[in-house]
Amino acid sequence: MMAIINPGEMRFQVGIEEPQATPDGAGGYSEGWLEIARVFAKIEPLAARDEFGAAQTLEEVSHRVTIRFREDVESGMRLRRGARLFDILTAHDPDETGRYLVLRTKEKGR
């Protein structure tokens, strides 16, 4: 069973974005992002790591993000908080009550 969540902990407003393919007129498409909702979230950092590649250091931080339950959130989407982007890796209802959705996300370096 999931620990009780204090709704006051969901204090960060984030945009939920989904990928949007737009025809480019030459037979291909360009990929952009479309915001489908703005919600309040609890954001908890889980782990940070960096790796060296292509003559640069790549930083990555994983987070657990909790929001009120929504049917339309799934992996492959992302969250935006200002200039910060969080790729959604997994989305699940931890106690299957339809109250909350817990997202495991990955934030690339800032």
PDB file of N, CA and C in Angstrom:
ATOM      1  N   MET A   1       0.835  -1.185   0.000  1.00  0.00           N
ATOM      2  CA  MET A   1       0.000   0.000   0.000  1.00  0.00           C
ATOM      3  C   MET A   1       0.875   1.241   0.000  1.00  0.00           C
ATOM      4  N   MET A   2       0.442   2.251  -0.695  1.00  0.00           N
ATOM      5  CA  MET A   2       1.200   3.485  -0.821  1.00  0.00           C
ATOM      6  C   MET A   2       1.008   4.360   0.410  1.00  0.00           C
ATOM      7  N   ALA A   3       2.067   5.073   0.781  1.00  0.00           N
ATOM      8  CA  ALA A   3       1.968   6.013   1.886  1.00  0.00           C
ATOM      9  C   ALA A   3       0.973   7.114   1.529  1.00  0.00           C
ATOM     10  N   ILE A   4       0.352   7.669   2.539  1.00  0.00           N
ATOM     11  CA  ILE A   4      -0.615   8.746   2.317  1.00  0.00           C
ATOM     12  C   ILE A   4       0.120   9.974   1.804  1.00  0.00           C
ATOM     13  N   ILE A   5      -0.436  10.577   0.770  1.00  0.00           N
ATOM     14  CA  ILE A   5       0.170  11.766   0.174  1.00  0.00           C
ATOM     15  C   ILE A   5      -0.566  12.997   0.676  1.00  0.00           C
ATOM     16  N   ASN A   6       0.204  13.943   1.142  1.00  0.00           N
ATOM     17  CA  ASN A   6      -0.349  15.230   1.542  1.00  0.00           C
ATOM     18  C   ASN A   6      -0.476  16.077   0.283  1.00  0.00           C
ATOM     19  N   PRO A   7      -1.697  16.451  -0.119  1.00  0.00           N
ATOM     20  CA  PRO A   7      -1.863  17.238  -1.346  1.00  0.00           C
ATOM     21  C   PRO A   7      -1.051  18.536  -1.338  1.00  0.00           C
ATOM     22  N   GLY A   8      -0.711  19.047  -0.161  1.00  0.00           N
ATOM     23  CA  GLY A   8       0.107  20.251  -0.077  1.00  0.00           C
ATOM     24  C   GLY A   8       1.522  20.043  -0.579  1.00  0.00           C
ATOM     25  N   GLU A   9       1.959  18.780  -0.668  1.00  0.00           N
ATOM     26  CA  GLU A   9       3.286  18.483  -1.205  1.00  0.00           C
ATOM     27  C   GLU A   9       3.327  18.603  -2.729  1.00  0.00           C
ATOM     28  N   MET A  10       2.160  18.606  -3.364  1.00  0.00           N
ATOM     29  CA  MET A  10       2.107  18.765  -4.822  1.00  0.00           C
ATOM     30  C   MET A  10       2.073  20.263  -5.121  1.00  0.00           C
ATOM     31  N   ARG A  11       3.242  20.881  -5.003  1.00  0.00           N
ATOM     32  CA  ARG A  11       3.311  22.333  -5.090  1.00  0.00           C
ATOM     33  C   ARG A  11       3.981  22.874  -6.345  1.00  0.00           C
ATOM     34  N   PHE A  12       4.470  21.985  -7.192  1.00  0.00           N
ATOM     35  CA  PHE A  12       5.135  22.429  -8.418  1.00  0.00           C
ATOM     36  C   PHE A  12       4.180  22.300  -9.591  1.00  0.00           C
ATOM     37  N   GLN A  13       3.972  23.387 -10.321  1.00  0.00           N
ATOM     38  CA  GLN A  13       3.108  23.320 -11.493  1.00  0.00           C
ATOM     39  C   GLN A  13       3.949  22.887 -12.685  1.00  0.00           C
ATOM     40  N   VAL A  14       3.473  21.845 -13.377  1.00  0.00           N
ATOM     41  CA  VAL A  14       4.186  21.307 -14.533  1.00  0.00           C
ATOM     42  C   VAL A  14       3.231  21.176 -15.707  1.00  0.00           C
ATOM     43  N   GLY A  15       3.780  21.239 -16.901  1.00  0.00           N
ATOM     44  CA  GLY A  15       3.005  20.991 -18.109  1.00  0.00           C
ATOM     45  C   GLY A  15       3.235  19.560 -18.556  1.00  0.00           C
ATOM     46  N   ILE A  16       2.175  18.892 -18.952  1.00  0.00           N
ATOM     47  CA  ILE A  16       2.284  17.546 -19.519  1.00  0.00           C
ATOM     48  C   ILE A  16       2.284  17.713 -21.031  1.00  0.00           C
ATOM     49  N   GLU A  17       3.319  17.186 -21.687  1.00  0.00           N
ATOM     50  CA  GLU A  17       3.457  17.343 -23.135  1.00  0.00           C
ATOM     51  C   GLU A  17       3.516  15.990 -23.817  1.00  0.00           C
ATOM     52  N   GLU A  18       2.928  15.940 -25.029  1.00  0.00           N
ATOM     53  CA  GLU A  18       3.006  14.726 -25.837  1.00  0.00           C
ATOM     54  C   GLU A  18       3.673  15.070 -27.162  1.00  0.00           C
ATOM     55  N   PRO A  19       4.366  14.087 -27.774  1.00  0.00           N
ATOM     56  CA  PRO A  19       5.016  14.361 -29.064  1.00  0.00           C
ATOM     57  C   PRO A  19       3.977  14.608 -30.149  1.00  0.00           C
ATOM     58  N   GLN A  20       4.292  15.527 -31.031  1.00  0.00           N
ATOM     59  CA  GLN A  20       3.371  15.916 -32.104  1.00  0.00           C
ATOM     60  C   GLN A  20       4.150  15.928 -33.412  1.00  0.00           C
ATOM     61  N   ALA A  21       3.751  15.085 -34.357  1.00  0.00           N
ATOM     62  CA  ALA A  21       4.392  15.054 -35.673  1.00  0.00           C
ATOM     63  C   ALA A  21       3.654  16.007 -36.608  1.00  0.00           C
ATOM     64  N   THR A  22       4.394  16.923 -37.245  1.00  0.00           N
ATOM     65  CA  THR A  22       3.816  17.901 -38.154  1.00  0.00           C
ATOM     66  C   THR A  22       4.413  17.700 -39.541  1.00  0.00           C
ATOM     67  N   PRO A  23       3.578  17.521 -40.583  1.00  0.00           N
ATOM     68  CA  PRO A  23       4.119  17.357 -41.946  1.00  0.00           C
ATOM     69  C   PRO A  23       4.968  18.564 -42.331  1.00  0.00           C
ATOM     70  N   ASP A  24       6.107  18.289 -42.982  1.00  0.00           N
ATOM     71  CA  ASP A  24       6.993  19.392 -43.368  1.00  0.00           C
ATOM     72  C   ASP A  24       6.799  19.829 -44.815  1.00  0.00           C
ATOM     73  N   GLY A  25       5.856  19.208 -45.539  1.00  0.00           N
ATOM     74  CA  GLY A  25       5.572  19.602 -46.908  1.00  0.00           C
ATOM     75  C   GLY A  25       6.459  18.936 -47.941  1.00  0.00           C
ATOM     76  N   ALA A  26       7.445  18.182 -47.494  1.00  0.00           N
ATOM     77  CA  ALA A  26       8.354  17.514 -48.418  1.00  0.00           C
ATOM     78  C   ALA A  26       8.270  16.001 -48.257  1.00  0.00           C
ATOM     79  N   GLY A  27       7.173  15.520 -47.701  1.00  0.00           N
ATOM     80  CA  GLY A  27       6.978  14.088 -47.526  1.00  0.00           C
ATOM     81  C   GLY A  27       7.413  13.567 -46.178  1.00  0.00           C
ATOM     82  N   GLY A  28       8.067  14.386 -45.412  1.00  0.00           N
ATOM     83  CA  GLY A  28       8.518  13.975 -44.075  1.00  0.00           C
ATOM     84  C   GLY A  28       7.712  14.693 -43.009  1.00  0.00           C
ATOM     85  N   TYR A  29       8.262  14.757 -41.852  1.00  0.00           N
ATOM     86  CA  TYR A  29       7.593  15.467 -40.764  1.00  0.00           C
ATOM     87  C   TYR A  29       8.638  15.997 -39.796  1.00  0.00           C
ATOM     88  N   SER A  30       8.238  16.968 -39.027  1.00  0.00           N
ATOM     89  CA  SER A  30       9.082  17.465 -37.946  1.00  0.00           C
ATOM     90  C   SER A  30       8.360  17.162 -36.636  1.00  0.00           C
ATOM     91  N   GLU A  31       9.150  16.824 -35.641  1.00  0.00           N
ATOM     92  CA  GLU A  31       8.557  16.463 -34.359  1.00  0.00           C
ATOM     93  C   GLU A  31       8.647  17.633 -33.397  1.00  0.00           C
ATOM     94  N   GLY A  32       7.530  17.929 -32.772  1.00  0.00           N
ATOM     95  CA  GLY A  32       7.470  18.963 -31.759  1.00  0.00           C
ATOM     96  C   GLY A  32       6.727  18.419 -30.550  1.00  0.00           C
ATOM     97  N   TRP A  33       6.431  19.285 -29.617  1.00  0.00           N
ATOM     98  CA  TRP A  33       5.732  18.874 -28.393  1.00  0.00           C
ATOM     99  C   TRP A  33       4.518  19.757 -28.189  1.00  0.00           C
ATOM    100  N   LEU A  34       3.417  19.151 -27.775  1.00  0.00           N
ATOM    101  CA  LEU A  34       2.161  19.851 -27.548  1.00  0.00           C
ATOM    102  C   LEU A  34       1.763  19.679 -26.084  1.00  0.00           C
ATOM    103  N   GLU A  35       1.540  20.792 -25.389  1.00  0.00           N
ATOM    104  CA  GLU A  35       1.103  20.715 -23.998  1.00  0.00           C
ATOM    105  C   GLU A  35      -0.370  20.331 -23.961  1.00  0.00           C
ATOM    106  N   ILE A  36      -0.687  19.266 -23.224  1.00  0.00           N
ATOM    107  CA  ILE A  36      -2.075  18.813 -23.146  1.00  0.00           C
ATOM    108  C   ILE A  36      -2.731  19.183 -21.817  1.00  0.00           C
ATOM    109  N   ALA A  37      -1.923  19.519 -20.797  1.00  0.00           N
ATOM    110  CA  ALA A  37      -2.491  19.880 -19.491  1.00  0.00           C
ATOM    111  C   ALA A  37      -1.427  20.531 -18.617  1.00  0.00           C
ATOM    112  N   ARG A  38      -1.890  21.292 -17.636  1.00  0.00           N
ATOM    113  CA  ARG A  38      -1.026  21.827 -16.581  1.00  0.00           C
ATOM    114  C   ARG A  38      -1.569  21.282 -15.270  1.00  0.00           C
ATOM    115  N   VAL A  39      -0.683  20.700 -14.473  1.00  0.00           N
ATOM    116  CA  VAL A  39      -1.087  20.069 -13.220  1.00  0.00           C
ATOM    117  C   VAL A  39      -0.088  20.425 -12.120  1.00  0.00           C
ATOM    118  N   PHE A  40      -0.485  20.157 -10.892  1.00  0.00           N
ATOM    119  CA  PHE A  40       0.432  20.319  -9.764  1.00  0.00           C
ATOM    120  C   PHE A  40       1.032  18.964  -9.444  1.00  0.00           C
ATOM    121  N   ALA A  41       2.324  18.963  -9.076  1.00  0.00           N
ATOM    122  CA  ALA A  41       3.051  17.719  -8.877  1.00  0.00           C
ATOM    123  C   ALA A  41       3.973  17.798  -7.670  1.00  0.00           C
ATOM    124  N   LYS A  42       4.234  16.636  -7.109  1.00  0.00           N
ATOM    125  CA  LYS A  42       5.278  16.468  -6.097  1.00  0.00           C
ATOM    126  C   LYS A  42       6.469  15.883  -6.840  1.00  0.00           C
ATOM    127  N   ILE A  43       7.633  16.538  -6.763  1.00  0.00           N
ATOM    128  CA  ILE A  43       8.827  16.104  -7.484  1.00  0.00           C
ATOM    129  C   ILE A  43       9.892  15.705  -6.466  1.00  0.00           C
ATOM    130  N   GLU A  44      10.324  14.444  -6.545  1.00  0.00           N
ATOM    131  CA  GLU A  44      11.332  13.920  -5.627  1.00  0.00           C
ATOM    132  C   GLU A  44      12.523  13.390  -6.419  1.00  0.00           C
ATOM    133  N   PRO A  45      13.713  13.985  -6.255  1.00  0.00           N
ATOM    134  CA  PRO A  45      14.889  13.432  -6.928  1.00  0.00           C
ATOM    135  C   PRO A  45      15.234  12.071  -6.329  1.00  0.00           C
ATOM    136  N   LEU A  46      15.616  11.115  -7.182  1.00  0.00           N
ATOM    137  CA  LEU A  46      15.960   9.772  -6.723  1.00  0.00           C
ATOM    138  C   LEU A  46      17.449   9.493  -6.824  1.00  0.00           C
ATOM    139  N   ALA A  47      18.028   9.762  -7.993  1.00  0.00           N
ATOM    140  CA  ALA A  47      19.444   9.455  -8.211  1.00  0.00           C
ATOM    141  C   ALA A  47      20.013  10.387  -9.266  1.00  0.00           C
ATOM    142  N   ALA A  48      21.315  10.611  -9.174  1.00  0.00           N
ATOM    143  CA  ALA A  48      22.004  11.439 -10.167  1.00  0.00           C
ATOM    144  C   ALA A  48      23.247  10.692 -10.619  1.00  0.00           C
ATOM    145  N   ARG A  49      23.570  10.853 -11.893  1.00  0.00           N
ATOM    146  CA  ARG A  49      24.795  10.251 -12.407  1.00  0.00           C
ATOM    147  C   ARG A  49      25.302  11.093 -13.562  1.00  0.00           C
ATOM    148  N   ASP A  50      26.570  10.962 -13.822  1.00  0.00           N
ATOM    149  CA  ASP A  50      27.140  11.611 -14.995  1.00  0.00           C
ATOM    150  C   ASP A  50      28.047  10.614 -15.684  1.00  0.00           C
ATOM    151  N   GLU A  51      28.158  10.776 -16.972  1.00  0.00           N
ATOM    152  CA  GLU A  51      29.042   9.909 -17.746  1.00  0.00           C
ATOM    153  C   GLU A  51      29.745  10.760 -18.786  1.00  0.00           C
ATOM    154  N   PHE A  52      30.926  10.347 -19.119  1.00  0.00           N
ATOM    155  CA  PHE A  52      31.716  11.078 -20.095  1.00  0.00           C
ATOM    156  C   PHE A  52      31.535  10.415 -21.443  1.00  0.00           C
ATOM    157  N   GLY A  53      31.177  11.214 -22.446  1.00  0.00           N
ATOM    158  CA  GLY A  53      30.996  10.691 -23.789  1.00  0.00           C
ATOM    159  C   GLY A  53      31.084  11.797 -24.811  1.00  0.00           C
ATOM    160  N   ALA A  54      31.670  11.499 -25.948  1.00  0.00           N
ATOM    161  CA  ALA A  54      31.806  12.467 -27.044  1.00  0.00           C
ATOM    162  C   ALA A  54      32.455  13.760 -26.558  1.00  0.00           C
ATOM    163  N   ALA A  55      33.492  13.616 -25.747  1.00  0.00           N
ATOM    164  CA  ALA A  55      34.274  14.742 -25.232  1.00  0.00           C
ATOM    165  C   ALA A  55      33.451  15.709 -24.393  1.00  0.00           C
ATOM    166  N   GLN A  56      32.419  15.192 -23.728  1.00  0.00           N
ATOM    167  CA  GLN A  56      31.630  16.039 -22.842  1.00  0.00           C
ATOM    168  C   GLN A  56      31.029  15.185 -21.725  1.00  0.00           C
ATOM    169  N   THR A  57      30.690  15.818 -20.630  1.00  0.00           N
ATOM    170  CA  THR A  57      30.062  15.116 -19.525  1.00  0.00           C
ATOM    171  C   THR A  57      28.554  15.232 -19.673  1.00  0.00           C
ATOM    172  N   LEU A  58      27.864  14.094 -19.641  1.00  0.00           N
ATOM    173  CA  LEU A  58      26.416  14.052 -19.767  1.00  0.00           C
ATOM    174  C   LEU A  58      25.830  13.756 -18.391  1.00  0.00           C
ATOM    175  N   GLU A  59      24.996  14.650 -17.903  1.00  0.00           N
ATOM    176  CA  GLU A  59      24.398  14.479 -16.585  1.00  0.00           C
ATOM    177  C   GLU A  59      22.960  14.010 -16.726  1.00  0.00           C
ATOM    178  N   GLU A  60      22.517  13.189 -15.780  1.00  0.00           N
ATOM    179  CA  GLU A  60      21.160  12.665 -15.808  1.00  0.00           C
ATOM    180  C   GLU A  60      20.678  12.509 -14.365  1.00  0.00           C
ATOM    181  N   VAL A  61      19.465  12.964 -14.101  1.00  0.00           N
ATOM    182  CA  VAL A  61      18.873  12.834 -12.771  1.00  0.00           C
ATOM    183  C   VAL A  61      17.525  12.142 -12.927  1.00  0.00           C
ATOM    184  N   SER A  62      17.288  11.137 -12.077  1.00  0.00           N
ATOM    185  CA  SER A  62      15.978  10.482 -12.123  1.00  0.00           C
ATOM    186  C   SER A  62      15.117  11.039 -10.986  1.00  0.00           C
ATOM    187  N   HIS A  63      13.821  11.137 -11.244  1.00  0.00           N
ATOM    188  CA  HIS A  63      12.868  11.684 -10.279  1.00  0.00           C
ATOM    189  C   HIS A  63      11.636  10.795 -10.187  1.00  0.00           C
ATOM    190  N   ARG A  64      10.988  10.842  -9.046  1.00  0.00           N
ATOM    191  CA  ARG A  64       9.653  10.272  -8.889  1.00  0.00           C
ATOM    192  C   ARG A  64       8.724  11.477  -8.803  1.00  0.00           C
ATOM    193  N   VAL A  65       7.760  11.541  -9.716  1.00  0.00           N
ATOM    194  CA  VAL A  65       6.818  12.660  -9.777  1.00  0.00           C
ATOM    195  C   VAL A  65       5.422  12.107  -9.518  1.00  0.00           C
ATOM    196  N   THR A  66       4.719  12.695  -8.557  1.00  0.00           N
ATOM    197  CA  THR A  66       3.364  12.257  -8.228  1.00  0.00           C
ATOM    198  C   THR A  66       2.382  13.347  -8.624  1.00  0.00           C
ATOM    199  N   ILE A  67       1.349  12.961  -9.369  1.00  0.00           N
ATOM    200  CA  ILE A  67       0.289  13.884  -9.773  1.00  0.00           C
ATOM    201  C   ILE A  67      -1.057  13.227  -9.479  1.00  0.00           C
ATOM    202  N   ARG A  68      -2.127  14.001  -9.561  1.00  0.00           N
ATOM    203  CA  ARG A  68      -3.454  13.405  -9.458  1.00  0.00           C
ATOM    204  C   ARG A  68      -3.671  12.518 -10.687  1.00  0.00           C
ATOM    205  N   PHE A  69      -4.446  11.459 -10.523  1.00  0.00           N
ATOM    206  CA  PHE A  69      -4.618  10.463 -11.576  1.00  0.00           C
ATOM    207  C   PHE A  69      -5.199  11.073 -12.844  1.00  0.00           C
ATOM    208  N   ARG A  70      -4.632  10.663 -13.968  1.00  0.00           N
ATOM    209  CA  ARG A  70      -5.124  11.027 -15.299  1.00  0.00           C
ATOM    210  C   ARG A  70      -4.986   9.798 -16.185  1.00  0.00           C
ATOM    211  N   GLU A  71      -5.983   9.556 -17.025  1.00  0.00           N
ATOM    212  CA  GLU A  71      -5.962   8.417 -17.947  1.00  0.00           C
ATOM    213  C   GLU A  71      -5.004   8.638 -19.119  1.00  0.00           C
ATOM    214  N   ASP A  72      -4.716   9.905 -19.457  1.00  0.00           N
ATOM    215  CA  ASP A  72      -4.010  10.215 -20.699  1.00  0.00           C
ATOM    216  C   ASP A  72      -2.507  10.397 -20.557  1.00  0.00           C
ATOM    217  N   VAL A  73      -1.909   9.976 -19.455  1.00  0.00           N
ATOM    218  CA  VAL A  73      -0.468  10.122 -19.262  1.00  0.00           C
ATOM    219  C   VAL A  73       0.187   8.753 -19.417  1.00  0.00           C
ATOM    220  N   GLU A  74       1.256   8.694 -20.219  1.00  0.00           N
ATOM    221  CA  GLU A  74       1.930   7.414 -20.470  1.00  0.00           C
ATOM    222  C   GLU A  74       3.404   7.658 -20.768  1.00  0.00           C
ATOM    223  N   SER A  75       4.160   6.577 -20.808  1.00  0.00           N
ATOM    224  CA  SER A  75       5.576   6.694 -21.138  1.00  0.00           C
ATOM    225  C   SER A  75       5.716   7.252 -22.554  1.00  0.00           C
ATOM    226  N   GLY A  76       6.811   7.952 -22.793  1.00  0.00           N
ATOM    227  CA  GLY A  76       7.022   8.590 -24.090  1.00  0.00           C
ATOM    228  C   GLY A  76       6.608  10.049 -24.093  1.00  0.00           C
ATOM    229  N   MET A  77       5.856  10.450 -23.081  1.00  0.00           N
ATOM    230  CA  MET A  77       5.480  11.857 -22.931  1.00  0.00           C
ATOM    231  C   MET A  77       6.545  12.517 -22.057  1.00  0.00           C
ATOM    232  N   ARG A  78       6.372  13.801 -21.780  1.00  0.00           N
ATOM    233  CA  ARG A  78       7.308  14.481 -20.896  1.00  0.00           C
ATOM    234  C   ARG A  78       6.601  15.538 -20.074  1.00  0.00           C
ATOM    235  N   LEU A  79       7.289  15.981 -19.029  1.00  0.00           N
ATOM    236  CA  LEU A  79       6.820  17.079 -18.190  1.00  0.00           C
ATOM    237  C   LEU A  79       7.758  18.251 -18.399  1.00  0.00           C
ATOM    238  N   ARG A  80       7.206  19.460 -18.313  1.00  0.00           N
ATOM    239  CA  ARG A  80       8.015  20.678 -18.426  1.00  0.00           C
ATOM    240  C   ARG A  80       7.751  21.549 -17.210  1.00  0.00           C
ATOM    241  N   ARG A  81       8.835  21.965 -16.569  1.00  0.00           N
ATOM    242  CA  ARG A  81       8.759  22.930 -15.471  1.00  0.00           C
ATOM    243  C   ARG A  81       9.762  24.020 -15.787  1.00  0.00           C
ATOM    244  N   GLY A  82       9.268  25.115 -16.373  1.00  0.00           N
ATOM    245  CA  GLY A  82      10.162  26.164 -16.848  1.00  0.00           C
ATOM    246  C   GLY A  82      11.032  25.614 -17.963  1.00  0.00           C
ATOM    247  N   ALA A  83      12.359  25.725 -17.809  1.00  0.00           N
ATOM    248  CA  ALA A  83      13.281  25.211 -18.823  1.00  0.00           C
ATOM    249  C   ALA A  83      13.642  23.750 -18.580  1.00  0.00           C
ATOM    250  N   ARG A  84      13.191  23.170 -17.479  1.00  0.00           N
ATOM    251  CA  ARG A  84      13.514  21.783 -17.146  1.00  0.00           C
ATOM    252  C   ARG A  84      12.556  20.819 -17.845  1.00  0.00           C
ATOM    253  N   LEU A  85      13.120  19.739 -18.401  1.00  0.00           N
ATOM    254  CA  LEU A  85      12.329  18.729 -19.104  1.00  0.00           C
ATOM    255  C   LEU A  85      12.543  17.369 -18.446  1.00  0.00           C
ATOM    256  N   PHE A  86      11.438  16.678 -18.179  1.00  0.00           N
ATOM    257  CA  PHE A  86      11.464  15.372 -17.539  1.00  0.00           C
ATOM    258  C   PHE A  86      10.815  14.358 -18.488  1.00  0.00           C
ATOM    259  N   ASP A  87      11.589  13.439 -19.041  1.00  0.00           N
ATOM    260  CA  ASP A  87      11.038  12.382 -19.894  1.00  0.00           C
ATOM    261  C   ASP A  87      10.342  11.354 -19.005  1.00  0.00           C
ATOM    262  N   ILE A  88       9.110  10.992 -19.343  1.00  0.00           N
ATOM    263  CA  ILE A  88       8.359  10.016 -18.556  1.00  0.00           C
ATOM    264  C   ILE A  88       8.751   8.611 -19.017  1.00  0.00           C
ATOM    265  N   LEU A  89       9.315   7.831 -18.101  1.00  0.00           N
ATOM    266  CA  LEU A  89       9.728   6.457 -18.397  1.00  0.00           C
ATOM    267  C   LEU A  89       8.624   5.467 -18.062  1.00  0.00           C
ATOM    268  N   THR A  90       7.975   5.659 -16.911  1.00  0.00           N
ATOM    269  CA  THR A  90       6.862   4.790 -16.506  1.00  0.00           C
ATOM    270  C   THR A  90       5.794   5.629 -15.823  1.00  0.00           C
ATOM    271  N   ALA A  91       4.566   5.136 -15.873  1.00  0.00           N
ATOM    272  CA  ALA A  91       3.434   5.780 -15.195  1.00  0.00           C
ATOM    273  C   ALA A  91       2.572   4.675 -14.610  1.00  0.00           C
ATOM    274  N   HIS A  92       2.303   4.771 -13.307  1.00  0.00           N
ATOM    275  CA  HIS A  92       1.450   3.741 -12.709  1.00  0.00           C
ATOM    276  C   HIS A  92       0.633   4.308 -11.544  1.00  0.00           C
ATOM    277  N   ASP A  93      -0.489   3.667 -11.301  1.00  0.00           N
ATOM    278  CA  ASP A  93      -1.374   3.976 -10.186  1.00  0.00           C
ATOM    279  C   ASP A  93      -0.930   3.065  -9.036  1.00  0.00           C
ATOM    280  N   PRO A  94      -0.229   3.592  -8.032  1.00  0.00           N
ATOM    281  CA  PRO A  94       0.434   2.739  -7.044  1.00  0.00           C
ATOM    282  C   PRO A  94      -0.496   1.863  -6.203  1.00  0.00           C
ATOM    283  N   ASP A  95      -1.697   2.316  -5.921  1.00  0.00           N
ATOM    284  CA  ASP A  95      -2.606   1.493  -5.113  1.00  0.00           C
ATOM    285  C   ASP A  95      -3.897   1.156  -5.856  1.00  0.00           C
ATOM    286  N   GLU A  96      -3.927   1.445  -7.146  1.00  0.00           N
ATOM    287  CA  GLU A  96      -5.054   1.125  -8.025  1.00  0.00           C
ATOM    288  C   GLU A  96      -6.390   1.674  -7.531  1.00  0.00           C
ATOM    289  N   THR A  97      -6.347   2.889  -6.979  1.00  0.00           N
ATOM    290  CA  THR A  97      -7.585   3.525  -6.520  1.00  0.00           C
ATOM    291  C   THR A  97      -8.018   4.662  -7.436  1.00  0.00           C
ATOM    292  N   GLY A  98      -7.163   5.032  -8.410  1.00  0.00           N
ATOM    293  CA  GLY A  98      -7.503   6.136  -9.299  1.00  0.00           C
ATOM    294  C   GLY A  98      -7.341   7.494  -8.645  1.00  0.00           C
ATOM    295  N   ARG A  99      -6.544   7.571  -7.568  1.00  0.00           N
ATOM    296  CA  ARG A  99      -6.328   8.861  -6.904  1.00  0.00           C
ATOM    297  C   ARG A  99      -5.061   9.544  -7.388  1.00  0.00           C
ATOM    298  N   TYR A 100      -3.966   8.786  -7.497  1.00  0.00           N
ATOM    299  CA  TYR A 100      -2.672   9.362  -7.841  1.00  0.00           C
ATOM    300  C   TYR A 100      -2.028   8.583  -8.972  1.00  0.00           C
ATOM    301  N   LEU A 101      -1.116   9.243  -9.648  1.00  0.00           N
ATOM    302  CA  LEU A 101      -0.316   8.621 -10.689  1.00  0.00           C
ATOM    303  C   LEU A 101       1.141   8.914 -10.338  1.00  0.00           C
ATOM    304  N   VAL A 102       1.953   7.878 -10.247  1.00  0.00           N
ATOM    305  CA  VAL A 102       3.368   8.041  -9.941  1.00  0.00           C
ATOM    306  C   VAL A 102       4.152   7.834 -11.229  1.00  0.00           C
ATOM    307  N   LEU A 103       4.971   8.814 -11.561  1.00  0.00           N
ATOM    308  CA  LEU A 103       5.753   8.794 -12.794  1.00  0.00           C
ATOM    309  C   LEU A 103       7.231   8.662 -12.451  1.00  0.00           C
ATOM    310  N   ARG A 104       7.903   7.754 -13.106  1.00  0.00           N
ATOM    311  CA  ARG A 104       9.367   7.696 -12.991  1.00  0.00           C
ATOM    312  C   ARG A 104       9.899   8.465 -14.190  1.00  0.00           C
ATOM    313  N   THR A 105      10.702   9.474 -13.940  1.00  0.00           N
ATOM    314  CA  THR A 105      11.174  10.351 -15.012  1.00  0.00           C
ATOM    315  C   THR A 105      12.688  10.439 -15.031  1.00  0.00           C
ATOM    316  N   LYS A 106      13.187  10.952 -16.143  1.00  0.00           N
ATOM    317  CA  LYS A 106      14.606  11.172 -16.322  1.00  0.00           C
ATOM    318  C   LYS A 106      14.785  12.607 -16.823  1.00  0.00           C
ATOM    319  N   GLU A 107      15.608  13.370 -16.112  1.00  0.00           N
ATOM    320  CA  GLU A 107      15.919  14.748 -16.521  1.00  0.00           C
ATOM    321  C   GLU A 107      17.347  14.776 -17.033  1.00  0.00           C
ATOM    322  N   LYS A 108      17.511  15.226 -18.264  1.00  0.00           N
ATOM    323  CA  LYS A 108      18.860  15.342 -18.817  1.00  0.00           C
ATOM    324  C   LYS A 108      19.514  16.587 -18.240  1.00  0.00           C
ATOM    325  N   GLY A 109      20.854  16.645 -18.307  1.00  0.00           N
ATOM    326  CA  GLY A 109      21.642  17.717 -17.700  1.00  0.00           C
ATOM    327  C   GLY A 109      21.126  19.122 -17.964  1.00  0.00           C
ATOM    328  N   ARG A 110      21.433  20.004 -17.029  1.00  0.00           N
ATOM    329  CA  ARG A 110      20.985  21.384 -17.136  1.00  0.00           C
ATOM    330  C   ARG A 110      22.140  22.275 -17.519  1.00  0.00           C
TER     331      ARG A 110
END
